[in-house]
Amino acid sequence: MPSDPRSEIPPRSGTAFELRKGQTLTVIDVRGEQVADLLAFDREDIHEVISSGRTLDYASRIYLTTGDLLYSNRSNVMLEIVADDVGRHDFLLTPCSKDTFRIIYGDTDPHRGCFGNLAAALEPYGVTEDMIPVAFNCFMNVPVDGTTGELRVDPPLSKAGDTVTFVAHRDLIIGLTACSALQSNNGSFKPIAYEISG
């Protein structure tokens, strides 16, 4: 029996790994309604990092899907979405953190969240906390009121086994989580799987 090429991220945790130019990364929602925060840094210069602002500016919309490009803070293409089962992801809200849980949820002993998980996973690559930008939040469902601009975090539209696949346009360091915020994941914490090919 061949081994499963997928790797799994346990609930409320994160990982980091290298993704070479031309390789594909498939993020898999194993059980459904689970968000995965994704970051990308240039492998040769970690100060070049995925940029929500530049990506959304160049796309002229906030909902990105198959065929869309994810740009860096230097306007270089880092990743391209090449397949997408869901078509609703978030690129507006920052990774959840101790402060998120303290300010929004009122937690007195907060979990370190995706921010803390990403910081810990990326530290061996030289990434510090202050270098962590807004993540591409795979499967996160954030409707925006077109009149008032109000944001709402709704349950993800993803079902068990749904995927989103990216191809790397340069050598990258990837940070990836199984999100730690209850509201983002419809009230429960579940694993995220990923697979690298090419």
N, C-alpha and C. Protein backbone atom coordinates (compact mmCIF):
# COMPACT_ATOMS: atom_id res chain seq x y z
N MET A 1 0.86 -1.20 0.00
CA MET A 1 0.00 0.00 0.00
C MET A 1 0.89 1.24 0.00
N PRO A 2 0.65 2.19 -0.95
CA PRO A 2 1.41 3.43 -0.93
C PRO A 2 1.02 4.28 0.26
N SER A 3 1.96 5.05 0.78
CA SER A 3 1.66 5.92 1.92
C SER A 3 0.83 7.11 1.46
N ASP A 4 0.04 7.65 2.38
CA ASP A 4 -0.78 8.81 2.09
C ASP A 4 0.13 10.02 1.92
N PRO A 5 0.07 10.71 0.76
CA PRO A 5 0.96 11.86 0.56
C PRO A 5 0.54 13.09 1.36
N ARG A 6 -0.63 13.01 1.99
CA ARG A 6 -1.11 14.16 2.74
C ARG A 6 -0.45 14.25 4.11
N SER A 7 -0.28 15.49 4.57
CA SER A 7 0.12 15.76 5.94
C SER A 7 -1.06 16.40 6.63
N GLU A 8 -1.20 16.17 7.93
CA GLU A 8 -2.33 16.72 8.67
C GLU A 8 -1.87 17.65 9.78
N ILE A 9 -2.54 18.80 9.89
CA ILE A 9 -2.29 19.77 10.94
C ILE A 9 -3.35 19.57 12.01
N PRO A 10 -2.98 19.23 13.23
CA PRO A 10 -3.98 19.03 14.28
C PRO A 10 -4.76 20.32 14.57
N PRO A 11 -5.95 20.19 15.16
CA PRO A 11 -6.74 21.39 15.50
C PRO A 11 -5.95 22.37 16.35
N ARG A 12 -6.15 23.65 16.05
CA ARG A 12 -5.56 24.76 16.80
C ARG A 12 -4.03 24.73 16.81
N SER A 13 -3.44 24.31 15.68
CA SER A 13 -1.98 24.30 15.58
C SER A 13 -1.56 24.77 14.19
N GLY A 14 -0.25 24.78 13.94
CA GLY A 14 0.24 25.26 12.65
C GLY A 14 1.56 24.62 12.30
N THR A 15 1.99 24.84 11.06
CA THR A 15 3.24 24.29 10.57
C THR A 15 3.85 25.24 9.55
N ALA A 16 5.08 24.97 9.17
CA ALA A 16 5.75 25.74 8.11
C ALA A 16 6.61 24.78 7.30
N PHE A 17 6.78 25.11 6.01
CA PHE A 17 7.54 24.24 5.12
C PHE A 17 7.92 25.02 3.87
N GLU A 18 8.84 24.47 3.10
CA GLU A 18 9.24 25.10 1.85
C GLU A 18 8.38 24.58 0.70
N LEU A 19 8.09 25.48 -0.23
CA LEU A 19 7.35 25.14 -1.45
C LEU A 19 8.14 25.71 -2.62
N ARG A 20 8.60 24.84 -3.50
CA ARG A 20 9.46 25.26 -4.60
C ARG A 20 8.64 25.79 -5.78
N LYS A 21 9.27 26.65 -6.56
CA LYS A 21 8.64 27.19 -7.77
C LYS A 21 8.14 26.04 -8.63
N GLY A 22 6.87 26.14 -9.05
CA GLY A 22 6.27 25.12 -9.89
C GLY A 22 5.54 24.03 -9.13
N GLN A 23 5.81 23.89 -7.83
CA GLN A 23 5.08 22.90 -7.05
C GLN A 23 3.68 23.38 -6.73
N THR A 24 2.78 22.44 -6.51
CA THR A 24 1.43 22.79 -6.11
C THR A 24 1.21 22.43 -4.65
N LEU A 25 0.41 23.24 -3.99
CA LEU A 25 0.01 23.02 -2.61
C LEU A 25 -1.51 22.93 -2.58
N THR A 26 -2.03 21.80 -2.13
CA THR A 26 -3.47 21.63 -1.98
C THR A 26 -3.81 21.63 -0.50
N VAL A 27 -4.69 22.54 -0.10
CA VAL A 27 -5.16 22.63 1.28
C VAL A 27 -6.52 21.94 1.34
N ILE A 28 -6.68 21.02 2.28
CA ILE A 28 -7.85 20.15 2.33
C ILE A 28 -8.60 20.38 3.64
N ASP A 29 -9.88 20.70 3.54
CA ASP A 29 -10.74 20.78 4.72
C ASP A 29 -11.26 19.38 5.00
N VAL A 30 -10.64 18.72 5.94
CA VAL A 30 -10.88 17.29 6.17
C VAL A 30 -12.32 16.99 6.56
N ARG A 31 -12.86 17.76 7.50
CA ARG A 31 -14.20 17.47 8.04
C ARG A 31 -15.25 18.51 7.66
N GLY A 32 -14.81 19.60 7.03
CA GLY A 32 -15.75 20.65 6.65
C GLY A 32 -15.82 21.76 7.68
N GLU A 33 -16.06 22.99 7.17
CA GLU A 33 -16.23 24.18 8.01
C GLU A 33 -15.03 24.46 8.90
N GLN A 34 -13.82 24.31 8.33
CA GLN A 34 -12.60 24.60 9.07
C GLN A 34 -11.69 25.50 8.25
N VAL A 35 -11.26 26.59 8.86
CA VAL A 35 -10.40 27.59 8.20
C VAL A 35 -8.93 27.21 8.34
N ALA A 36 -8.13 27.58 7.34
CA ALA A 36 -6.68 27.43 7.39
C ALA A 36 -6.03 28.75 7.01
N ASP A 37 -5.26 29.33 7.91
CA ASP A 37 -4.52 30.57 7.61
C ASP A 37 -3.26 30.21 6.83
N LEU A 38 -3.05 30.88 5.69
CA LEU A 38 -1.89 30.60 4.85
C LEU A 38 -1.05 31.86 4.68
N LEU A 39 0.26 31.73 4.93
CA LEU A 39 1.23 32.80 4.69
C LEU A 39 2.27 32.30 3.71
N ALA A 40 2.87 33.23 2.96
CA ALA A 40 3.96 32.89 2.05
C ALA A 40 5.04 33.97 2.15
N PHE A 41 6.29 33.51 2.29
CA PHE A 41 7.46 34.37 2.30
C PHE A 41 8.40 33.91 1.20
N ASP A 42 9.09 34.86 0.56
CA ASP A 42 10.10 34.49 -0.42
C ASP A 42 11.24 33.74 0.29
N ARG A 43 11.63 32.60 -0.25
CA ARG A 43 12.64 31.78 0.42
C ARG A 43 13.99 32.46 0.49
N GLU A 44 14.30 33.30 -0.51
CA GLU A 44 15.61 33.96 -0.55
C GLU A 44 15.64 35.27 0.23
N ASP A 45 14.46 35.85 0.46
CA ASP A 45 14.38 37.13 1.19
C ASP A 45 13.05 37.16 1.92
N ILE A 46 13.07 36.82 3.20
CA ILE A 46 11.82 36.70 3.97
C ILE A 46 11.14 38.04 4.22
N HIS A 47 11.78 39.13 3.83
CA HIS A 47 11.11 40.43 3.94
C HIS A 47 10.12 40.64 2.80
N GLU A 48 10.16 39.77 1.80
CA GLU A 48 9.14 39.79 0.75
C GLU A 48 8.08 38.77 1.14
N VAL A 49 6.85 39.25 1.31
CA VAL A 49 5.81 38.45 1.95
C VAL A 49 4.47 38.68 1.26
N ILE A 50 3.59 37.71 1.36
CA ILE A 50 2.26 37.82 0.76
C ILE A 50 1.57 39.09 1.25
N SER A 51 0.85 39.75 0.34
CA SER A 51 0.23 41.04 0.64
C SER A 51 -1.25 41.02 0.29
N SER A 52 -2.08 41.13 1.30
CA SER A 52 -3.51 41.26 1.08
C SER A 52 -3.83 42.53 0.30
N GLY A 53 -3.24 43.63 0.72
CA GLY A 53 -3.55 44.92 0.10
C GLY A 53 -3.23 44.96 -1.39
N ARG A 54 -2.04 44.51 -1.75
CA ARG A 54 -1.67 44.54 -3.17
C ARG A 54 -2.49 43.53 -3.98
N THR A 55 -2.73 42.36 -3.42
CA THR A 55 -3.51 41.34 -4.13
C THR A 55 -4.92 41.83 -4.41
N LEU A 56 -5.58 42.35 -3.39
CA LEU A 56 -6.96 42.81 -3.58
C LEU A 56 -7.02 44.03 -4.48
N ASP A 57 -6.01 44.88 -4.39
CA ASP A 57 -5.93 46.06 -5.26
C ASP A 57 -5.88 45.62 -6.72
N TYR A 58 -5.00 44.68 -7.03
CA TYR A 58 -4.83 44.27 -8.42
C TYR A 58 -5.99 43.42 -8.93
N ALA A 59 -6.66 42.69 -8.04
CA ALA A 59 -7.81 41.88 -8.44
C ALA A 59 -9.09 42.71 -8.54
N SER A 60 -9.13 43.85 -7.85
CA SER A 60 -10.31 44.73 -7.81
C SER A 60 -11.54 44.04 -7.22
N ARG A 61 -11.30 43.08 -6.31
CA ARG A 61 -12.40 42.45 -5.58
C ARG A 61 -11.81 41.75 -4.37
N ILE A 62 -12.67 41.39 -3.42
CA ILE A 62 -12.19 40.78 -2.18
C ILE A 62 -12.37 39.27 -2.15
N TYR A 63 -13.17 38.70 -3.06
CA TYR A 63 -13.35 37.26 -3.09
C TYR A 63 -12.52 36.68 -4.23
N LEU A 64 -11.51 35.88 -3.88
CA LEU A 64 -10.57 35.35 -4.85
C LEU A 64 -10.81 33.85 -5.04
N THR A 65 -10.57 33.38 -6.27
CA THR A 65 -10.80 31.97 -6.58
C THR A 65 -9.92 31.56 -7.76
N THR A 66 -10.25 30.47 -8.41
CA THR A 66 -9.43 29.90 -9.47
C THR A 66 -9.02 30.95 -10.50
N GLY A 67 -7.72 30.98 -10.80
CA GLY A 67 -7.19 31.93 -11.77
C GLY A 67 -6.64 33.20 -11.16
N ASP A 68 -6.94 33.44 -9.88
CA ASP A 68 -6.45 34.66 -9.23
C ASP A 68 -5.02 34.48 -8.74
N LEU A 69 -4.29 35.60 -8.74
CA LEU A 69 -2.89 35.64 -8.33
C LEU A 69 -2.77 36.28 -6.96
N LEU A 70 -1.89 35.73 -6.12
CA LEU A 70 -1.60 36.30 -4.81
C LEU A 70 -0.23 36.96 -4.87
N TYR A 71 -0.21 38.26 -4.65
CA TYR A 71 0.99 39.08 -4.83
C TYR A 71 1.73 39.30 -3.50
N SER A 72 3.00 39.69 -3.63
CA SER A 72 3.82 40.06 -2.48
C SER A 72 3.73 41.55 -2.24
N ASN A 73 4.34 41.98 -1.13
CA ASN A 73 4.44 43.40 -0.82
C ASN A 73 5.30 44.15 -1.83
N ARG A 74 6.02 43.42 -2.71
CA ARG A 74 6.82 44.04 -3.77
C ARG A 74 6.18 43.84 -5.15
N SER A 75 4.92 43.46 -5.14
CA SER A 75 4.11 43.31 -6.36
C SER A 75 4.57 42.18 -7.27
N ASN A 76 5.23 41.19 -6.70
CA ASN A 76 5.58 39.98 -7.45
C ASN A 76 4.56 38.89 -7.14
N VAL A 77 4.25 38.06 -8.15
CA VAL A 77 3.31 36.96 -7.93
C VAL A 77 4.00 35.88 -7.10
N MET A 78 3.35 35.50 -6.02
CA MET A 78 3.87 34.43 -5.17
C MET A 78 3.15 33.11 -5.44
N LEU A 79 1.84 33.16 -5.49
CA LEU A 79 1.01 31.98 -5.65
C LEU A 79 -0.11 32.27 -6.63
N GLU A 80 -0.59 31.22 -7.28
CA GLU A 80 -1.77 31.31 -8.15
C GLU A 80 -2.75 30.23 -7.71
N ILE A 81 -4.02 30.63 -7.58
CA ILE A 81 -5.05 29.64 -7.26
C ILE A 81 -5.41 28.91 -8.56
N VAL A 82 -5.19 27.61 -8.59
CA VAL A 82 -5.41 26.84 -9.82
C VAL A 82 -6.62 25.91 -9.74
N ALA A 83 -7.15 25.70 -8.54
CA ALA A 83 -8.37 24.91 -8.37
C ALA A 83 -9.00 25.31 -7.05
N ASP A 84 -10.32 25.30 -7.01
CA ASP A 84 -11.02 25.80 -5.82
C ASP A 84 -12.42 25.20 -5.77
N ASP A 85 -12.67 24.37 -4.77
CA ASP A 85 -13.99 23.75 -4.62
C ASP A 85 -15.01 24.67 -3.99
N VAL A 86 -14.55 25.73 -3.33
CA VAL A 86 -15.44 26.51 -2.47
C VAL A 86 -15.73 27.91 -3.02
N GLY A 87 -14.69 28.64 -3.41
CA GLY A 87 -14.89 29.96 -3.99
C GLY A 87 -15.16 31.06 -2.98
N ARG A 88 -15.01 30.79 -1.69
CA ARG A 88 -15.16 31.84 -0.67
C ARG A 88 -14.08 31.67 0.37
N HIS A 89 -13.15 32.62 0.35
CA HIS A 89 -12.04 32.66 1.30
C HIS A 89 -11.91 34.10 1.76
N ASP A 90 -11.18 34.34 2.83
CA ASP A 90 -11.03 35.69 3.35
C ASP A 90 -9.59 36.16 3.23
N PHE A 91 -9.41 37.43 2.83
CA PHE A 91 -8.08 38.03 2.77
C PHE A 91 -8.11 39.41 3.42
N LEU A 92 -9.05 39.58 4.38
CA LEU A 92 -9.20 40.87 5.06
C LEU A 92 -8.77 40.82 6.53
N LEU A 93 -9.09 39.73 7.21
CA LEU A 93 -8.92 39.67 8.66
C LEU A 93 -7.60 39.01 9.04
N THR A 94 -6.96 39.58 10.03
CA THR A 94 -5.64 39.14 10.48
C THR A 94 -5.72 37.81 11.23
N PRO A 95 -4.62 37.06 11.30
CA PRO A 95 -4.66 35.81 12.07
C PRO A 95 -5.11 36.03 13.50
N CYS A 96 -5.97 35.15 13.99
CA CYS A 96 -6.43 35.26 15.39
C CYS A 96 -5.23 35.11 16.32
N SER A 97 -5.34 35.75 17.49
CA SER A 97 -4.21 35.80 18.42
C SER A 97 -4.74 35.86 19.85
N LYS A 98 -3.81 35.87 20.80
CA LYS A 98 -4.21 36.08 22.19
C LYS A 98 -5.04 37.35 22.33
N ASP A 99 -4.63 38.39 21.62
CA ASP A 99 -5.36 39.66 21.71
C ASP A 99 -6.75 39.55 21.09
N THR A 100 -6.87 38.80 20.00
CA THR A 100 -8.20 38.56 19.41
C THR A 100 -9.13 37.98 20.45
N PHE A 101 -8.67 36.93 21.11
CA PHE A 101 -9.52 36.23 22.08
C PHE A 101 -9.79 37.08 23.31
N ARG A 102 -8.83 37.94 23.67
CA ARG A 102 -9.01 38.83 24.82
C ARG A 102 -9.98 39.95 24.50
N ILE A 103 -9.81 40.57 23.31
CA ILE A 103 -10.61 41.76 22.97
C ILE A 103 -12.00 41.38 22.46
N ILE A 104 -12.08 40.39 21.59
CA ILE A 104 -13.37 40.05 20.97
C ILE A 104 -14.18 39.08 21.83
N TYR A 105 -13.50 38.07 22.41
CA TYR A 105 -14.21 37.02 23.14
C TYR A 105 -14.18 37.20 24.66
N GLY A 106 -13.31 38.10 25.16
CA GLY A 106 -13.24 38.32 26.60
C GLY A 106 -12.51 37.23 27.36
N ASP A 107 -11.68 36.43 26.68
CA ASP A 107 -10.96 35.35 27.36
C ASP A 107 -9.92 35.93 28.32
N THR A 108 -9.85 35.36 29.51
CA THR A 108 -8.87 35.81 30.50
C THR A 108 -7.57 35.00 30.42
N ASP A 109 -7.62 33.81 29.83
CA ASP A 109 -6.42 32.99 29.63
C ASP A 109 -6.43 32.51 28.18
N PRO A 110 -6.16 33.44 27.25
CA PRO A 110 -6.41 33.14 25.83
C PRO A 110 -5.39 32.18 25.21
N HIS A 111 -5.85 31.41 24.23
CA HIS A 111 -5.00 30.58 23.38
C HIS A 111 -4.12 31.49 22.53
N ARG A 112 -2.95 31.03 22.12
CA ARG A 112 -2.06 31.88 21.32
C ARG A 112 -2.55 32.09 19.90
N GLY A 113 -3.53 31.30 19.46
CA GLY A 113 -4.19 31.51 18.17
C GLY A 113 -3.30 31.22 16.98
N CYS A 114 -3.83 31.50 15.80
CA CYS A 114 -3.07 31.27 14.57
C CYS A 114 -1.82 32.14 14.52
N PHE A 115 -1.91 33.35 15.05
CA PHE A 115 -0.75 34.23 15.05
C PHE A 115 0.41 33.58 15.81
N GLY A 116 0.14 33.11 17.01
CA GLY A 116 1.17 32.46 17.81
C GLY A 116 1.65 31.17 17.19
N ASN A 117 0.74 30.41 16.59
CA ASN A 117 1.12 29.16 15.93
C ASN A 117 2.01 29.43 14.71
N LEU A 118 1.66 30.45 13.94
CA LEU A 118 2.47 30.81 12.78
C LEU A 118 3.85 31.32 13.21
N ALA A 119 3.87 32.14 14.24
CA ALA A 119 5.14 32.69 14.72
C ALA A 119 6.08 31.56 15.16
N ALA A 120 5.54 30.59 15.88
CA ALA A 120 6.36 29.48 16.36
C ALA A 120 6.85 28.61 15.20
N ALA A 121 5.97 28.34 14.24
CA ALA A 121 6.33 27.48 13.11
C ALA A 121 7.35 28.14 12.19
N LEU A 122 7.24 29.47 12.04
CA LEU A 122 8.11 30.19 11.10
C LEU A 122 9.41 30.68 11.73
N GLU A 123 9.53 30.62 13.04
CA GLU A 123 10.73 31.10 13.72
C GLU A 123 12.01 30.45 13.20
N PRO A 124 12.03 29.14 12.93
CA PRO A 124 13.26 28.54 12.41
C PRO A 124 13.72 29.11 11.07
N TYR A 125 12.81 29.76 10.35
CA TYR A 125 13.15 30.36 9.05
C TYR A 125 13.57 31.83 9.19
N GLY A 126 13.60 32.32 10.43
CA GLY A 126 14.01 33.70 10.67
C GLY A 126 12.88 34.71 10.69
N VAL A 127 11.64 34.23 10.62
CA VAL A 127 10.47 35.12 10.63
C VAL A 127 10.13 35.48 12.07
N THR A 128 9.99 36.78 12.35
CA THR A 128 9.60 37.24 13.68
C THR A 128 8.13 37.64 13.69
N GLU A 129 7.59 37.83 14.87
CA GLU A 129 6.17 38.17 15.00
C GLU A 129 5.80 39.41 14.20
N ASP A 130 6.66 40.41 14.24
CA ASP A 130 6.34 41.67 13.56
C ASP A 130 6.34 41.54 12.04
N MET A 131 6.81 40.42 11.52
CA MET A 131 6.85 40.20 10.07
C MET A 131 5.61 39.46 9.57
N ILE A 132 4.71 39.09 10.46
CA ILE A 132 3.54 38.29 10.06
C ILE A 132 2.43 39.22 9.59
N PRO A 133 2.02 39.10 8.32
CA PRO A 133 0.99 39.98 7.76
C PRO A 133 -0.41 39.36 7.86
N VAL A 134 -1.37 39.97 7.21
CA VAL A 134 -2.69 39.36 7.04
C VAL A 134 -2.52 38.08 6.22
N ALA A 135 -3.13 37.01 6.68
CA ALA A 135 -3.03 35.72 5.99
C ALA A 135 -4.15 35.58 4.96
N PHE A 136 -3.91 34.70 3.98
CA PHE A 136 -4.99 34.24 3.10
C PHE A 136 -5.70 33.15 3.87
N ASN A 137 -6.93 33.42 4.30
CA ASN A 137 -7.68 32.53 5.17
C ASN A 137 -8.52 31.58 4.33
N CYS A 138 -7.93 30.42 4.01
CA CYS A 138 -8.63 29.43 3.18
C CYS A 138 -9.92 29.01 3.86
N PHE A 139 -11.00 29.04 3.10
CA PHE A 139 -12.33 28.58 3.51
C PHE A 139 -13.06 29.54 4.46
N MET A 140 -12.43 30.62 4.89
CA MET A 140 -13.11 31.53 5.82
C MET A 140 -14.15 32.35 5.07
N ASN A 141 -15.32 32.48 5.67
CA ASN A 141 -16.48 33.10 5.02
C ASN A 141 -16.80 34.42 5.71
N VAL A 142 -16.40 35.53 5.07
CA VAL A 142 -16.60 36.87 5.66
C VAL A 142 -17.42 37.72 4.68
N PRO A 143 -18.77 37.68 4.80
CA PRO A 143 -19.58 38.57 3.97
C PRO A 143 -19.38 40.02 4.38
N VAL A 144 -19.48 40.90 3.40
CA VAL A 144 -19.34 42.34 3.64
C VAL A 144 -20.60 43.04 3.15
N ASP A 145 -21.20 43.86 4.02
CA ASP A 145 -22.37 44.64 3.63
C ASP A 145 -21.92 45.72 2.65
N GLY A 146 -22.48 45.70 1.45
CA GLY A 146 -22.06 46.63 0.41
C GLY A 146 -22.40 48.08 0.70
N THR A 147 -23.33 48.33 1.58
CA THR A 147 -23.74 49.69 1.91
C THR A 147 -22.96 50.25 3.10
N THR A 148 -22.92 49.46 4.20
CA THR A 148 -22.30 49.96 5.42
C THR A 148 -20.83 49.55 5.56
N GLY A 149 -20.42 48.49 4.81
CA GLY A 149 -19.07 47.98 4.96
C GLY A 149 -18.90 47.06 6.15
N GLU A 150 -19.99 46.75 6.85
CA GLU A 150 -19.90 45.88 8.02
C GLU A 150 -19.43 44.48 7.62
N LEU A 151 -18.51 43.93 8.42
CA LEU A 151 -18.01 42.58 8.23
C LEU A 151 -18.74 41.63 9.16
N ARG A 152 -18.95 40.42 8.67
CA ARG A 152 -19.56 39.38 9.50
C ARG A 152 -18.81 38.08 9.25
N VAL A 153 -18.51 37.34 10.30
CA VAL A 153 -17.86 36.05 10.15
C VAL A 153 -18.92 34.96 10.24
N ASP A 154 -19.19 34.31 9.12
CA ASP A 154 -20.18 33.25 9.03
C ASP A 154 -19.49 31.90 8.93
N PRO A 155 -20.22 30.80 9.14
CA PRO A 155 -19.61 29.48 8.99
C PRO A 155 -19.03 29.30 7.59
N PRO A 156 -17.88 28.64 7.48
CA PRO A 156 -17.32 28.35 6.16
C PRO A 156 -18.32 27.60 5.29
N LEU A 157 -18.21 27.81 3.98
CA LEU A 157 -19.06 27.10 3.03
C LEU A 157 -18.47 25.75 2.65
N SER A 158 -17.26 25.46 3.11
CA SER A 158 -16.57 24.23 2.73
C SER A 158 -17.19 23.01 3.40
N LYS A 159 -17.23 21.92 2.65
CA LYS A 159 -17.69 20.63 3.13
C LYS A 159 -16.49 19.69 3.29
N ALA A 160 -16.70 18.58 3.96
CA ALA A 160 -15.63 17.61 4.17
C ALA A 160 -15.01 17.21 2.84
N GLY A 161 -13.70 17.34 2.76
CA GLY A 161 -12.97 16.95 1.55
C GLY A 161 -12.78 18.06 0.54
N ASP A 162 -13.39 19.22 0.75
CA ASP A 162 -13.20 20.34 -0.19
C ASP A 162 -11.76 20.83 -0.13
N THR A 163 -11.28 21.34 -1.28
CA THR A 163 -9.89 21.76 -1.39
C THR A 163 -9.75 23.10 -2.09
N VAL A 164 -8.59 23.72 -1.88
CA VAL A 164 -8.14 24.85 -2.68
C VAL A 164 -6.68 24.59 -2.99
N THR A 165 -6.29 24.76 -4.27
CA THR A 165 -4.95 24.40 -4.72
C THR A 165 -4.24 25.61 -5.30
N PHE A 166 -2.98 25.76 -4.90
CA PHE A 166 -2.13 26.86 -5.33
C PHE A 166 -0.92 26.31 -6.06
N VAL A 167 -0.39 27.06 -7.02
CA VAL A 167 0.91 26.75 -7.61
C VAL A 167 1.86 27.88 -7.25
N ALA A 168 3.08 27.52 -6.88
CA ALA A 168 4.08 28.51 -6.49
C ALA A 168 4.74 29.12 -7.72
N HIS A 169 4.82 30.45 -7.76
CA HIS A 169 5.50 31.15 -8.85
C HIS A 169 6.95 31.47 -8.52
N ARG A 170 7.39 31.15 -7.31
CA ARG A 170 8.77 31.33 -6.90
C ARG A 170 9.01 30.40 -5.71
N ASP A 171 10.25 30.26 -5.28
CA ASP A 171 10.55 29.44 -4.10
C ASP A 171 10.05 30.17 -2.86
N LEU A 172 9.27 29.45 -2.04
CA LEU A 172 8.57 30.07 -0.93
C LEU A 172 8.77 29.31 0.37
N ILE A 173 8.55 30.02 1.47
CA ILE A 173 8.34 29.42 2.78
C ILE A 173 6.85 29.64 3.10
N ILE A 174 6.16 28.57 3.41
CA ILE A 174 4.73 28.62 3.66
C ILE A 174 4.47 28.41 5.15
N GLY A 175 3.58 29.20 5.72
CA GLY A 175 3.03 28.96 7.04
C GLY A 175 1.57 28.58 6.87
N LEU A 176 1.11 27.57 7.59
CA LEU A 176 -0.27 27.08 7.42
C LEU A 176 -0.80 26.60 8.76
N THR A 177 -2.06 26.94 9.04
CA THR A 177 -2.66 26.55 10.32
C THR A 177 -3.99 25.82 10.13
N ALA A 178 -4.40 25.19 11.21
CA ALA A 178 -5.80 24.82 11.40
C ALA A 178 -6.33 25.84 12.41
N CYS A 179 -7.18 26.73 11.96
CA CYS A 179 -7.53 27.96 12.69
C CYS A 179 -8.09 27.67 14.09
N SER A 180 -7.79 28.60 15.00
CA SER A 180 -8.07 28.45 16.42
C SER A 180 -9.28 29.23 16.91
N ALA A 181 -9.99 29.93 16.02
CA ALA A 181 -11.11 30.78 16.45
C ALA A 181 -12.45 30.06 16.26
N LEU A 182 -13.21 29.94 17.35
CA LEU A 182 -14.49 29.22 17.29
C LEU A 182 -15.43 29.78 16.24
N GLN A 183 -15.58 31.11 16.21
CA GLN A 183 -16.54 31.73 15.31
C GLN A 183 -16.21 31.45 13.85
N SER A 184 -14.93 31.41 13.52
CA SER A 184 -14.52 31.21 12.13
C SER A 184 -14.84 29.80 11.64
N ASN A 185 -14.94 28.84 12.57
CA ASN A 185 -15.05 27.43 12.23
C ASN A 185 -16.37 26.81 12.66
N ASN A 186 -17.40 27.66 12.78
CA ASN A 186 -18.75 27.22 13.15
C ASN A 186 -18.76 26.45 14.46
N GLY A 187 -17.95 26.92 15.41
CA GLY A 187 -18.08 26.44 16.77
C GLY A 187 -17.29 25.22 17.16
N SER A 188 -16.43 24.70 16.28
CA SER A 188 -15.61 23.54 16.66
C SER A 188 -14.26 23.60 15.97
N PHE A 189 -13.29 22.93 16.55
CA PHE A 189 -11.93 22.93 16.03
C PHE A 189 -11.64 21.59 15.37
N LYS A 190 -11.15 21.64 14.13
CA LYS A 190 -10.94 20.44 13.34
C LYS A 190 -9.58 20.50 12.67
N PRO A 191 -9.07 19.39 12.16
CA PRO A 191 -7.77 19.41 11.50
C PRO A 191 -7.86 19.96 10.09
N ILE A 192 -6.71 20.31 9.56
CA ILE A 192 -6.55 20.68 8.14
C ILE A 192 -5.46 19.76 7.57
N ALA A 193 -5.67 19.30 6.36
CA ALA A 193 -4.64 18.51 5.69
C ALA A 193 -4.08 19.31 4.51
N TYR A 194 -2.88 18.94 4.09
CA TYR A 194 -2.31 19.57 2.89
C TYR A 194 -1.45 18.55 2.16
N GLU A 195 -1.28 18.81 0.86
CA GLU A 195 -0.49 17.91 0.02
C GLU A 195 0.34 18.76 -0.94
N ILE A 196 1.61 18.40 -1.08
CA ILE A 196 2.52 19.08 -2.01
C ILE A 196 2.82 18.12 -3.15
N SER A 197 2.76 18.62 -4.37
CA SER A 197 3.09 17.77 -5.53
C SER A 197 3.89 18.58 -6.55
N GLY A 198 4.55 17.87 -7.45
CA GLY A 198 5.31 18.51 -8.50
C GLY A 198 6.79 18.60 -8.22
